C-alpha cells in the first residue's frame, strides 16, 4: 500500500510522540501554500463564477430577533 504525504507526516508525527491535535496543525500548515497558489490561479485566470450583490436582494426571514441570554 503506497503512503501519500499525509500518511508519511502522520507516521513521523506519531514516531516523535506528537498528539493528534498537533499533527492536524502540521497537516494544515503543509496545505496552505497549495491552497494559496490555487486561489491566486483562479483569481488571475478564471472569470468569477457568480457575483451576488446584496443590493439586488431583500431579506425575507423573520424580523428582528433576540439572542438568548445563554448565547451572549
PDB file of N, CA and C in Angstrom:
ATOM      1  N   UNK A   1       0.857  -1.185   0.000  1.00  0.00           N
ATOM      2  CA  UNK A   1       0.000   0.000   0.000  1.00  0.00           C
ATOM      3  C   UNK A   1       0.893   1.236   0.000  1.00  0.00           C
ATOM      4  N   UNK A   2       0.866   2.027  -1.058  1.00  0.00           N
ATOM      5  CA  UNK A   2       1.684   3.237  -1.080  1.00  0.00           C
ATOM      6  C   UNK A   2       1.151   4.272  -0.087  1.00  0.00           C
ATOM      7  N   UNK A   3       2.063   4.983   0.538  1.00  0.00           N
ATOM      8  CA  UNK A   3       1.695   6.001   1.521  1.00  0.00           C
ATOM      9  C   UNK A   3       1.817   7.369   0.865  1.00  0.00           C
ATOM     10  N   UNK A   4       0.767   8.181   0.992  1.00  0.00           N
ATOM     11  CA  UNK A   4       0.845   9.547   0.466  1.00  0.00           C
ATOM     12  C   UNK A   4       1.533  10.447   1.492  1.00  0.00           C
ATOM     13  N   UNK A   5       1.668  11.714   1.173  1.00  0.00           N
ATOM     14  CA  UNK A   5       2.391  12.631   2.051  1.00  0.00           C
ATOM     15  C   UNK A   5       1.714  12.765   3.412  1.00  0.00           C
ATOM     16  N   UNK A   6       0.391  12.730   3.453  1.00  0.00           N
ATOM     17  CA  UNK A   6      -0.298  12.812   4.745  1.00  0.00           C
ATOM     18  C   UNK A   6       0.031  11.607   5.613  1.00  0.00           C
ATOM     19  N   UNK A   7       0.105  10.437   4.995  1.00  0.00           N
ATOM     20  CA  UNK A   7       0.475   9.239   5.746  1.00  0.00           C
ATOM     21  C   UNK A   7       1.891   9.322   6.275  1.00  0.00           C
ATOM     22  N   UNK A   8       2.795   9.849   5.458  1.00  0.00           N
ATOM     23  CA  UNK A   8       4.186   9.998   5.895  1.00  0.00           C
ATOM     24  C   UNK A   8       4.289  10.991   7.049  1.00  0.00           C
ATOM     25  N   UNK A   9       3.583  12.112   6.941  1.00  0.00           N
ATOM     26  CA  UNK A   9       3.597  13.099   8.023  1.00  0.00           C
ATOM     27  C   UNK A   9       2.997  12.499   9.286  1.00  0.00           C
ATOM     28  N   UNK A  10       1.908  11.745   9.151  1.00  0.00           N
ATOM     29  CA  UNK A  10       1.286  11.108  10.316  1.00  0.00           C
ATOM     30  C   UNK A  10       2.254  10.132  10.972  1.00  0.00           C
ATOM     31  N   UNK A  11       2.984   9.365  10.168  1.00  0.00           N
ATOM     32  CA  UNK A  11       3.941   8.405  10.721  1.00  0.00           C
ATOM     33  C   UNK A  11       5.047   9.120  11.489  1.00  0.00           C
ATOM     34  N   UNK A  12       5.576  10.192  10.921  1.00  0.00           N
ATOM     35  CA  UNK A  12       6.642  10.943  11.596  1.00  0.00           C
ATOM     36  C   UNK A  12       6.114  11.578  12.878  1.00  0.00           C
ATOM     37  N   UNK A  13       4.939  12.198  12.803  1.00  0.00           N
ATOM     38  CA  UNK A  13       4.353  12.823  13.997  1.00  0.00           C
ATOM     39  C   UNK A  13       4.109  11.791  15.087  1.00  0.00           C
ATOM     40  N   UNK A  14       3.617  10.619  14.707  1.00  0.00           N
ATOM     41  CA  UNK A  14       3.398   9.556  15.683  1.00  0.00           C
ATOM     42  C   UNK A  14       4.695   9.054  16.282  1.00  0.00           C
ATOM     43  N   UNK A  15       5.732   8.922  15.454  1.00  0.00           N
ATOM     44  CA  UNK A  15       7.023   8.438  15.939  1.00  0.00           C
ATOM     45  C   UNK A  15       7.666   9.381  16.940  1.00  0.00           C
ATOM     46  N   UNK A  16       7.458  10.674  16.761  1.00  0.00           N
ATOM     47  CA  UNK A  16       8.067  11.626  17.693  1.00  0.00           C
ATOM     48  C   UNK A  16       7.148  11.953  18.865  1.00  0.00           C
ATOM     49  N   UNK A  17       5.985  11.297  18.924  1.00  0.00           N
ATOM     50  CA  UNK A  17       5.101  11.431  20.075  1.00  0.00           C
ATOM     51  C   UNK A  17       4.198  12.648  20.067  1.00  0.00           C
ATOM     52  N   UNK A  18       3.951  13.229  18.904  1.00  0.00           N
ATOM     53  CA  UNK A  18       3.049  14.386  18.843  1.00  0.00           C
ATOM     54  C   UNK A  18       1.609  13.940  19.037  1.00  0.00           C
ATOM     55  N   UNK A  19       0.821  14.707  19.791  1.00  0.00           N
ATOM     56  CA  UNK A  19      -0.607  14.401  19.880  1.00  0.00           C
ATOM     57  C   UNK A  19      -1.292  14.669  18.538  1.00  0.00           C
ATOM     58  N   UNK A  20      -2.426  14.040  18.330  1.00  0.00           N
ATOM     59  CA  UNK A  20      -3.149  14.172  17.065  1.00  0.00           C
ATOM     60  C   UNK A  20      -3.507  15.624  16.762  1.00  0.00           C
ATOM     61  N   UNK A  21      -3.817  16.417  17.790  1.00  0.00           N
ATOM     62  CA  UNK A  21      -4.185  17.818  17.548  1.00  0.00           C
ATOM     63  C   UNK A  21      -3.021  18.599  16.947  1.00  0.00           C
ATOM     64  N   UNK A  22      -1.812  18.305  17.378  1.00  0.00           N
ATOM     65  CA  UNK A  22      -0.641  18.979  16.816  1.00  0.00           C
ATOM     66  C   UNK A  22      -0.394  18.481  15.394  1.00  0.00           C
ATOM     67  N   UNK A  23      -0.569  17.183  15.170  1.00  0.00           N
ATOM     68  CA  UNK A  23      -0.388  16.627  13.828  1.00  0.00           C
ATOM     69  C   UNK A  23      -1.378  17.270  12.853  1.00  0.00           C
ATOM     70  N   UNK A  24      -2.603  17.514  13.292  1.00  0.00           N
ATOM     71  CA  UNK A  24      -3.587  18.183  12.427  1.00  0.00           C
ATOM     72  C   UNK A  24      -3.104  19.570  12.026  1.00  0.00           C
ATOM     73  N   UNK A  25      -2.475  20.280  12.962  1.00  0.00           N
ATOM     74  CA  UNK A  25      -1.933  21.600  12.636  1.00  0.00           C
ATOM     75  C   UNK A  25      -0.831  21.483  11.591  1.00  0.00           C
ATOM     76  N   UNK A  26       0.000  20.463  11.700  1.00  0.00           N
ATOM     77  CA  UNK A  26       1.061  20.237  10.712  1.00  0.00           C
ATOM     78  C   UNK A  26       0.440  19.975   9.337  1.00  0.00           C
ATOM     79  N   UNK A  27      -0.611  19.156   9.283  1.00  0.00           N
ATOM     80  CA  UNK A  27      -1.281  18.886   8.006  1.00  0.00           C
ATOM     81  C   UNK A  27      -1.805  20.189   7.399  1.00  0.00           C
ATOM     82  N   UNK A  28      -2.434  21.029   8.230  1.00  0.00           N
ATOM     83  CA  UNK A  28      -2.987  22.286   7.725  1.00  0.00           C
ATOM     84  C   UNK A  28      -1.893  23.200   7.194  1.00  0.00           C
ATOM     85  N   UNK A  29      -0.817  23.315   7.955  1.00  0.00           N
ATOM     86  CA  UNK A  29       0.285  24.182   7.536  1.00  0.00           C
ATOM     87  C   UNK A  29       0.855  23.712   6.200  1.00  0.00           C
ATOM     88  N   UNK A  30       0.949  22.405   6.015  1.00  0.00           N
ATOM     89  CA  UNK A  30       1.517  21.888   4.768  1.00  0.00           C
ATOM     90  C   UNK A  30       0.598  22.124   3.571  1.00  0.00           C
ATOM     91  N   UNK A  31      -0.668  22.356   3.799  1.00  0.00           N
ATOM     92  CA  UNK A  31      -1.625  22.580   2.708  1.00  0.00           C
ATOM     93  C   UNK A  31      -1.730  24.046   2.288  1.00  0.00           C
ATOM     94  N   UNK A  32      -1.337  24.968   3.147  1.00  0.00           N
ATOM     95  CA  UNK A  32      -1.539  26.395   2.886  1.00  0.00           C
ATOM     96  C   UNK A  32      -0.889  26.870   1.582  1.00  0.00           C
ATOM     97  N   UNK A  33       0.368  26.521   1.277  1.00  0.00           N
ATOM     98  CA  UNK A  33       0.943  27.006   0.010  1.00  0.00           C
ATOM     99  C   UNK A  33       0.145  26.561  -1.221  1.00  0.00           C
ATOM    100  N   UNK A  34      -0.319  25.334  -1.239  1.00  0.00           N
ATOM    101  CA  UNK A  34      -1.102  24.851  -2.375  1.00  0.00           C
ATOM    102  C   UNK A  34      -2.435  25.559  -2.495  1.00  0.00           C
ATOM    103  N   UNK A  35      -3.090  25.788  -1.371  1.00  0.00           N
ATOM    104  CA  UNK A  35      -4.376  26.489  -1.389  1.00  0.00           C
ATOM    105  C   UNK A  35      -4.184  27.929  -1.855  1.00  0.00           C
ATOM    106  N   UNK A  36      -3.114  28.579  -1.363  1.00  0.00           N
ATOM    107  CA  UNK A  36      -2.845  29.957  -1.771  1.00  0.00           C
ATOM    108  C   UNK A  36      -2.554  30.033  -3.270  1.00  0.00           C
ATOM    109  N   UNK A  37      -1.768  29.091  -3.777  1.00  0.00           N
ATOM    110  CA  UNK A  37      -1.456  29.078  -5.207  1.00  0.00           C
ATOM    111  C   UNK A  37      -2.713  28.836  -6.036  1.00  0.00           C
ATOM    112  N   UNK A  38      -3.560  27.936  -5.581  1.00  0.00           N
ATOM    113  CA  UNK A  38      -4.802  27.654  -6.304  1.00  0.00           C
ATOM    114  C   UNK A  38      -5.706  28.888  -6.320  1.00  0.00           C
ATOM    115  N   UNK A  39      -5.835  29.554  -5.188  1.00  0.00           N
ATOM    116  CA  UNK A  39      -6.679  30.751  -5.114  1.00  0.00           C
ATOM    117  C   UNK A  39      -6.158  31.837  -6.050  1.00  0.00           C
ATOM    118  N   UNK A  40      -4.839  32.024  -6.076  1.00  0.00           N
ATOM    119  CA  UNK A  40      -4.261  33.040  -6.960  1.00  0.00           C
ATOM    120  C   UNK A  40      -4.469  32.673  -8.428  1.00  0.00           C
ATOM    121  N   UNK A  41      -4.289  31.408  -8.756  1.00  0.00           N
ATOM    122  CA  UNK A  41      -4.506  30.963 -10.133  1.00  0.00           C
ATOM    123  C   UNK A  41      -5.957  31.192 -10.561  1.00  0.00           C
ATOM    124  N   UNK A  42      -6.891  30.857  -9.695  1.00  0.00           N
ATOM    125  CA  UNK A  42      -8.309  31.078 -10.000  1.00  0.00           C
ATOM    126  C   UNK A  42      -8.602  32.566 -10.167  1.00  0.00           C
ATOM    127  N   UNK A  43      -8.012  33.382  -9.312  1.00  0.00           N
ATOM    128  CA  UNK A  43      -8.253  34.825  -9.374  1.00  0.00           C
ATOM    129  C   UNK A  43      -7.742  35.404 -10.686  1.00  0.00           C
ATOM    130  N   UNK A  44      -6.573  34.963 -11.120  1.00  0.00           N
ATOM    131  CA  UNK A  44      -5.948  35.526 -12.308  1.00  0.00           C
ATOM    132  C   UNK A  44      -6.538  34.960 -13.599  1.00  0.00           C
ATOM    133  N   UNK A  45      -6.806  33.669 -13.647  1.00  0.00           N
ATOM    134  CA  UNK A  45      -7.139  33.012 -14.910  1.00  0.00           C
ATOM    135  C   UNK A  45      -8.622  32.805 -15.172  1.00  0.00           C
ATOM    136  N   UNK A  46      -9.445  32.822 -14.163  1.00  0.00           N
ATOM    137  CA  UNK A  46     -10.847  32.457 -14.337  1.00  0.00           C
ATOM    138  C   UNK A  46     -11.764  33.652 -14.105  1.00  0.00           C
ATOM    139  N   UNK A  47     -12.870  33.652 -14.817  1.00  0.00           N
ATOM    140  CA  UNK A  47     -13.913  34.627 -14.540  1.00  0.00           C
ATOM    141  C   UNK A  47     -14.645  34.200 -13.276  1.00  0.00           C
ATOM    142  N   UNK A  48     -15.145  35.151 -12.522  1.00  0.00           N
ATOM    143  CA  UNK A  48     -15.907  34.767 -11.333  1.00  0.00           C
ATOM    144  C   UNK A  48     -17.099  33.897 -11.720  1.00  0.00           C
ATOM    145  N   UNK A  49     -17.369  32.896 -10.904  1.00  0.00           N
ATOM    146  CA  UNK A  49     -18.499  32.012 -11.197  1.00  0.00           C
ATOM    147  C   UNK A  49     -19.812  32.766 -11.069  1.00  0.00           C
ATOM    148  N   UNK A  50     -19.904  33.586 -10.048  1.00  0.00           N
ATOM    149  CA  UNK A  50     -21.101  34.401  -9.874  1.00  0.00           C
ATOM    150  C   UNK A  50     -20.793  35.483  -8.859  1.00  0.00           C
ATOM    151  N   UNK A  51     -21.496  36.543  -8.973  1.00  0.00           N
ATOM    152  CA  UNK A  51     -21.388  37.621  -8.009  1.00  0.00           C
ATOM    153  C   UNK A  51     -22.788  37.926  -7.507  1.00  0.00           C
ATOM    154  N   UNK A  52     -22.929  37.949  -6.214  1.00  0.00           N
ATOM    155  CA  UNK A  52     -24.225  38.246  -5.610  1.00  0.00           C
ATOM    156  C   UNK A  52     -24.133  39.631  -4.987  1.00  0.00           C
ATOM    157  N   UNK A  53     -24.895  40.544  -5.515  1.00  0.00           N
ATOM    158  CA  UNK A  53     -24.915  41.901  -4.994  1.00  0.00           C
ATOM    159  C   UNK A  53     -26.046  42.009  -3.977  1.00  0.00           C
ATOM    160  N   UNK A  54     -25.716  42.301  -2.723  1.00  0.00           N
ATOM    161  CA  UNK A  54     -26.762  42.395  -1.695  1.00  0.00           C
ATOM    162  C   UNK A  54     -27.830  43.438  -2.023  1.00  0.00           C
ATOM    163  N   UNK A  55     -27.483  44.424  -2.842  1.00  0.00           N
ATOM    164  CA  UNK A  55     -28.462  45.458  -3.198  1.00  0.00           C
ATOM    165  C   UNK A  55     -29.576  44.899  -4.077  1.00  0.00           C
ATOM    166  N   UNK A  56     -29.305  43.776  -4.743  1.00  0.00           N
ATOM    167  CA  UNK A  56     -30.297  43.172  -5.633  1.00  0.00           C
ATOM    168  C   UNK A  56     -31.232  42.197  -4.921  1.00  0.00           C
ATOM    169  N   UNK A  57     -31.042  42.013  -3.625  1.00  0.00           N
ATOM    170  CA  UNK A  57     -31.830  41.028  -2.883  1.00  0.00           C
ATOM    171  C   UNK A  57     -32.350  41.650  -1.598  1.00  0.00           C
ATOM    172  N   UNK A  58     -33.498  41.187  -1.165  1.00  0.00           N
ATOM    173  CA  UNK A  58     -34.039  41.651   0.108  1.00  0.00           C
ATOM    174  C   UNK A  58     -34.203  40.464   1.044  1.00  0.00           C
ATOM    175  N   UNK A  59     -33.982  40.708   2.323  1.00  0.00           N
ATOM    176  CA  UNK A  59     -34.114  39.675   3.342  1.00  0.00           C
ATOM    177  C   UNK A  59     -35.591  39.426   3.598  1.00  0.00           C
ATOM    178  N   UNK A  60     -36.007  38.155   3.546  1.00  0.00           N
ATOM    179  CA  UNK A  60     -37.422  37.850   3.772  1.00  0.00           C
ATOM    180  C   UNK A  60     -37.623  36.925   4.968  1.00  0.00           C
ATOM    181  N   UNK A  61     -36.624  36.840   5.814  1.00  0.00           N
ATOM    182  CA  UNK A  61     -36.725  35.997   7.008  1.00  0.00           C
ATOM    183  C   UNK A  61     -37.431  36.727   8.136  1.00  0.00           C
ATOM    184  N   UNK A  62     -37.411  36.131   9.329  1.00  0.00           N
ATOM    185  CA  UNK A  62     -38.063  36.752  10.479  1.00  0.00           C
ATOM    186  C   UNK A  62     -37.484  38.144  10.751  1.00  0.00           C
ATOM    187  N   UNK A  63     -38.330  39.006  11.322  1.00  0.00           N
ATOM    188  CA  UNK A  63     -37.840  40.336  11.671  1.00  0.00           C
ATOM    189  C   UNK A  63     -36.866  40.216  12.844  1.00  0.00           C
ATOM    190  N   UNK A  64     -36.529  41.327  13.427  1.00  0.00           N
ATOM    191  CA  UNK A  64     -35.524  41.353  14.489  1.00  0.00           C
ATOM    192  C   UNK A  64     -35.798  40.288  15.555  1.00  0.00           C
ATOM    193  N   UNK A  65     -34.730  39.587  15.932  1.00  0.00           N
ATOM    194  CA  UNK A  65     -34.845  38.546  16.959  1.00  0.00           C
ATOM    195  C   UNK A  65     -33.835  38.818  18.056  1.00  0.00           C
ATOM    196  N   UNK A  66     -34.131  38.329  19.246  1.00  0.00           N
ATOM    197  CA  UNK A  66     -33.210  38.493  20.370  1.00  0.00           C
ATOM    198  C   UNK A  66     -32.351  37.242  20.506  1.00  0.00           C
ATOM    199  N   UNK A  67     -31.096  37.444  20.854  1.00  0.00           N
ATOM    200  CA  UNK A  67     -30.191  36.345  21.124  1.00  0.00           C
ATOM    201  C   UNK A  67     -30.448  35.864  22.545  1.00  0.00           C
ATOM    202  N   UNK A  68     -30.669  34.565  22.762  1.00  0.00           N
ATOM    203  CA  UNK A  68     -30.908  34.075  24.119  1.00  0.00           C
ATOM    204  C   UNK A  68     -29.744  34.436  25.039  1.00  0.00           C
ATOM    205  N   UNK A  69     -30.057  34.700  26.308  1.00  0.00           N
ATOM    206  CA  UNK A  69     -29.030  35.112  27.266  1.00  0.00           C
ATOM    207  C   UNK A  69     -27.880  34.112  27.341  1.00  0.00           C
ATOM    208  N   UNK A  70     -28.174  32.825  27.217  1.00  0.00           N
ATOM    209  CA  UNK A  70     -27.107  31.818  27.326  1.00  0.00           C
ATOM    210  C   UNK A  70     -26.132  31.874  26.144  1.00  0.00           C
ATOM    211  N   UNK A  71     -26.501  32.568  25.079  1.00  0.00           N
ATOM    212  CA  UNK A  71     -25.643  32.688  23.897  1.00  0.00           C
ATOM    213  C   UNK A  71     -24.852  33.995  23.868  1.00  0.00           C
ATOM    214  N   UNK A  72     -25.077  34.873  24.844  1.00  0.00           N
ATOM    215  CA  UNK A  72     -24.390  36.178  24.847  1.00  0.00           C
ATOM    216  C   UNK A  72     -23.016  36.048  25.432  1.00  0.00           C
TER     217      UNK A  72
END
